[in-house]
């Protein structure tokens, strides 16, 4: 990986030990490529989550974060939002959620492709 450290992919519960090794390798590779295309930092708010952490933050019972197929990228400006979206789309991400403060990207093979939603 050129743009990320393995430590950025750990569950933030601080107890379960889930981390980089539990992430989908294709997602991580594509995310690293997208960061290069975007030309702006990708600060991860969330990546893999244990069930406890997912419940604590009100995540979906079928969240792609639970299986290591998703990340949430901090996004606080319209410029960064545009650049992040461009990078994600350039490398082929087609499951994207847009929030006021983050962008969700996932490659979950068990869910509908080519969807964009907002929070």
C-alpha atoms as a PDB file:
ATOM      1  CA  UNK A   1       0.000   0.000   0.000  1.00  0.00           C
ATOM      2  CA  UNK A   2       1.247   3.406  -0.902  1.00  0.00           C
ATOM      3  CA  UNK A   3      -1.223   5.675   0.897  1.00  0.00           C
ATOM      4  CA  UNK A   4      -2.354   3.770   4.005  1.00  0.00           C
ATOM      5  CA  UNK A   5      -0.962   2.070   7.082  1.00  0.00           C
ATOM      6  CA  UNK A   6      -2.404  -1.257   8.229  1.00  0.00           C
ATOM      7  CA  UNK A   7      -3.302   0.365  11.564  1.00  0.00           C
ATOM      8  CA  UNK A   8      -5.889   2.577   9.826  1.00  0.00           C
ATOM      9  CA  UNK A   9      -8.064  -0.472   9.204  1.00  0.00           C
ATOM     10  CA  UNK A  10      -8.573  -1.615  12.806  1.00  0.00           C
ATOM     11  CA  UNK A  11     -11.975  -1.753  14.486  1.00  0.00           C
ATOM     12  CA  UNK A  12     -12.269   1.249  16.779  1.00  0.00           C
ATOM     13  CA  UNK A  13     -13.879  -0.656  19.666  1.00  0.00           C
ATOM     14  CA  UNK A  14     -10.400  -1.142  21.108  1.00  0.00           C
ATOM     15  CA  UNK A  15     -11.130  -4.686  22.286  1.00  0.00           C
ATOM     16  CA  UNK A  16     -11.919  -7.139  19.486  1.00  0.00           C
ATOM     17  CA  UNK A  17      -8.609  -7.067  17.608  1.00  0.00           C
ATOM     18  CA  UNK A  18     -10.197  -7.050  14.153  1.00  0.00           C
ATOM     19  CA  UNK A  19      -8.014  -5.229  11.697  1.00  0.00           C
ATOM     20  CA  UNK A  20      -6.264  -5.136   8.363  1.00  0.00           C
ATOM     21  CA  UNK A  21      -6.098  -8.913   8.030  1.00  0.00           C
ATOM     22  CA  UNK A  22      -9.924  -9.041   8.136  1.00  0.00           C
ATOM     23  CA  UNK A  23     -10.383  -6.495   5.346  1.00  0.00           C
ATOM     24  CA  UNK A  24     -11.194  -7.576   1.804  1.00  0.00           C
ATOM     25  CA  UNK A  25      -7.897  -7.314  -0.080  1.00  0.00           C
ATOM     26  CA  UNK A  26      -9.578  -6.080  -3.267  1.00  0.00           C
ATOM     27  CA  UNK A  27     -11.210  -3.236  -1.354  1.00  0.00           C
ATOM     28  CA  UNK A  28      -7.900  -2.195   0.189  1.00  0.00           C
ATOM     29  CA  UNK A  29      -6.079  -2.306  -3.163  1.00  0.00           C
ATOM     30  CA  UNK A  30      -8.793  -0.293  -4.921  1.00  0.00           C
ATOM     31  CA  UNK A  31      -8.960   2.200  -2.064  1.00  0.00           C
ATOM     32  CA  UNK A  32      -5.213   2.766  -2.287  1.00  0.00           C
ATOM     33  CA  UNK A  33      -5.499   3.355  -6.050  1.00  0.00           C
ATOM     34  CA  UNK A  34      -8.468   5.704  -5.547  1.00  0.00           C
ATOM     35  CA  UNK A  35      -6.471   7.767  -3.054  1.00  0.00           C
ATOM     36  CA  UNK A  36      -3.772   8.236  -5.670  1.00  0.00           C
ATOM     37  CA  UNK A  37      -6.264   9.377  -8.301  1.00  0.00           C
ATOM     38  CA  UNK A  38      -8.072  11.700  -5.887  1.00  0.00           C
ATOM     39  CA  UNK A  39      -5.007  13.675  -4.860  1.00  0.00           C
ATOM     40  CA  UNK A  40      -6.419  14.337  -1.373  1.00  0.00           C
ATOM     41  CA  UNK A  41      -6.039  12.466   1.905  1.00  0.00           C
ATOM     42  CA  UNK A  42      -8.422   9.638   2.746  1.00  0.00           C
ATOM     43  CA  UNK A  43      -8.861   9.709   6.532  1.00  0.00           C
ATOM     44  CA  UNK A  44     -10.812   6.604   7.518  1.00  0.00           C
ATOM     45  CA  UNK A  45     -13.542   7.111  10.114  1.00  0.00           C
ATOM     46  CA  UNK A  46     -14.529   3.461  10.014  1.00  0.00           C
ATOM     47  CA  UNK A  47     -13.412   0.256   8.348  1.00  0.00           C
ATOM     48  CA  UNK A  48     -13.956  -3.247   9.735  1.00  0.00           C
ATOM     49  CA  UNK A  49     -16.341  -3.340  12.688  1.00  0.00           C
ATOM     50  CA  UNK A  50     -17.105  -6.010  15.228  1.00  0.00           C
ATOM     51  CA  UNK A  51     -20.780  -6.661  15.975  1.00  0.00           C
ATOM     52  CA  UNK A  52     -20.518  -4.796  19.302  1.00  0.00           C
ATOM     53  CA  UNK A  53     -19.054  -1.658  17.719  1.00  0.00           C
ATOM     54  CA  UNK A  54     -21.565  -1.768  14.869  1.00  0.00           C
ATOM     55  CA  UNK A  55     -24.471  -1.998  17.335  1.00  0.00           C
ATOM     56  CA  UNK A  56     -23.039   0.796  19.503  1.00  0.00           C
ATOM     57  CA  UNK A  57     -22.982   3.259  16.597  1.00  0.00           C
ATOM     58  CA  UNK A  58     -26.344   2.188  15.192  1.00  0.00           C
ATOM     59  CA  UNK A  59     -24.966   0.436  12.107  1.00  0.00           C
ATOM     60  CA  UNK A  60     -27.141  -1.772   9.944  1.00  0.00           C
ATOM     61  CA  UNK A  61     -27.411  -5.434  10.923  1.00  0.00           C
ATOM     62  CA  UNK A  62     -26.241  -6.228   7.385  1.00  0.00           C
ATOM     63  CA  UNK A  63     -23.484  -3.598   7.300  1.00  0.00           C
ATOM     64  CA  UNK A  64     -20.690  -4.329   4.836  1.00  0.00           C
ATOM     65  CA  UNK A  65     -18.283  -3.086   7.533  1.00  0.00           C
ATOM     66  CA  UNK A  66     -18.918  -6.310   9.475  1.00  0.00           C
ATOM     67  CA  UNK A  67     -17.305  -8.388   6.727  1.00  0.00           C
ATOM     68  CA  UNK A  68     -14.462  -6.017   5.815  1.00  0.00           C
ATOM     69  CA  UNK A  69     -16.043  -4.843   2.566  1.00  0.00           C
ATOM     70  CA  UNK A  70     -16.520  -1.167   3.506  1.00  0.00           C
ATOM     71  CA  UNK A  71     -14.851   2.014   4.688  1.00  0.00           C
ATOM     72  CA  UNK A  72     -16.087   5.470   5.630  1.00  0.00           C
ATOM     73  CA  UNK A  73     -13.813   8.290   4.492  1.00  0.00           C
ATOM     74  CA  UNK A  74     -13.924  11.609   6.351  1.00  0.00           C
ATOM     75  CA  UNK A  75     -15.088  14.407   4.095  1.00  0.00           C
ATOM     76  CA  UNK A  76     -15.605  17.957   5.371  1.00  0.00           C
ATOM     77  CA  UNK A  77     -15.451  20.127   2.236  1.00  0.00           C
ATOM     78  CA  UNK A  78     -17.121  20.114  -1.156  1.00  0.00           C
ATOM     79  CA  UNK A  79     -13.691  20.134  -2.843  1.00  0.00           C
ATOM     80  CA  UNK A  80     -12.598  16.988  -0.985  1.00  0.00           C
ATOM     81  CA  UNK A  81     -16.002  15.366  -1.585  1.00  0.00           C
ATOM     82  CA  UNK A  82     -15.618  15.878  -5.328  1.00  0.00           C
ATOM     83  CA  UNK A  83     -12.020  14.606  -5.421  1.00  0.00           C
ATOM     84  CA  UNK A  84     -12.808  11.545  -3.264  1.00  0.00           C
ATOM     85  CA  UNK A  85     -15.815  10.648  -5.399  1.00  0.00           C
ATOM     86  CA  UNK A  86     -13.774  11.044  -8.599  1.00  0.00           C
ATOM     87  CA  UNK A  87     -11.060   8.744  -7.251  1.00  0.00           C
ATOM     88  CA  UNK A  88     -13.520   6.102  -6.090  1.00  0.00           C
ATOM     89  CA  UNK A  89     -15.414   6.063  -9.387  1.00  0.00           C
ATOM     90  CA  UNK A  90     -12.188   6.066 -11.430  1.00  0.00           C
ATOM     91  CA  UNK A  91     -11.097   2.732  -9.926  1.00  0.00           C
ATOM     92  CA  UNK A  92     -14.536   1.156 -10.149  1.00  0.00           C
ATOM     93  CA  UNK A  93     -16.299   1.615  -6.834  1.00  0.00           C
ATOM     94  CA  UNK A  94     -20.013   1.463  -7.576  1.00  0.00           C
ATOM     95  CA  UNK A  95     -21.504   1.266  -4.075  1.00  0.00           C
ATOM     96  CA  UNK A  96     -21.140   4.740  -2.566  1.00  0.00           C
ATOM     97  CA  UNK A  97     -22.966   6.471   0.275  1.00  0.00           C
ATOM     98  CA  UNK A  98     -22.684  10.219   0.758  1.00  0.00           C
ATOM     99  CA  UNK A  99     -23.053  11.971   4.104  1.00  0.00           C
ATOM    100  CA  UNK A 100     -22.380  15.515   5.217  1.00  0.00           C
ATOM    101  CA  UNK A 101     -19.187  14.385   6.981  1.00  0.00           C
ATOM    102  CA  UNK A 102     -18.088  11.178   5.263  1.00  0.00           C
ATOM    103  CA  UNK A 103     -18.263   9.051   2.119  1.00  0.00           C
ATOM    104  CA  UNK A 104     -18.966   5.348   2.418  1.00  0.00           C
ATOM    105  CA  UNK A 105     -17.387   3.072  -0.197  1.00  0.00           C
ATOM    106  CA  UNK A 106     -17.800  -0.674  -0.409  1.00  0.00           C
ATOM    107  CA  UNK A 107     -17.386  -3.601  -2.762  1.00  0.00           C
ATOM    108  CA  UNK A 108     -19.697  -6.076  -1.018  1.00  0.00           C
ATOM    109  CA  UNK A 109     -20.278  -8.903  -3.528  1.00  0.00           C
ATOM    110  CA  UNK A 110     -23.526  -9.874  -1.781  1.00  0.00           C
ATOM    111  CA  UNK A 111     -25.280  -6.555  -2.367  1.00  0.00           C
ATOM    112  CA  UNK A 112     -26.671  -4.596  -5.313  1.00  0.00           C
ATOM    113  CA  UNK A 113     -24.099  -3.031  -7.605  1.00  0.00           C
ATOM    114  CA  UNK A 114     -24.131   0.482  -9.062  1.00  0.00           C
ATOM    115  CA  UNK A 115     -25.942   2.289  -6.263  1.00  0.00           C
ATOM    116  CA  UNK A 116     -25.398   5.666  -4.651  1.00  0.00           C
ATOM    117  CA  UNK A 117     -27.274   6.777  -1.558  1.00  0.00           C
ATOM    118  CA  UNK A 118     -27.188   9.605   0.949  1.00  0.00           C
ATOM    119  CA  UNK A 119     -27.525   9.681   4.719  1.00  0.00           C
END
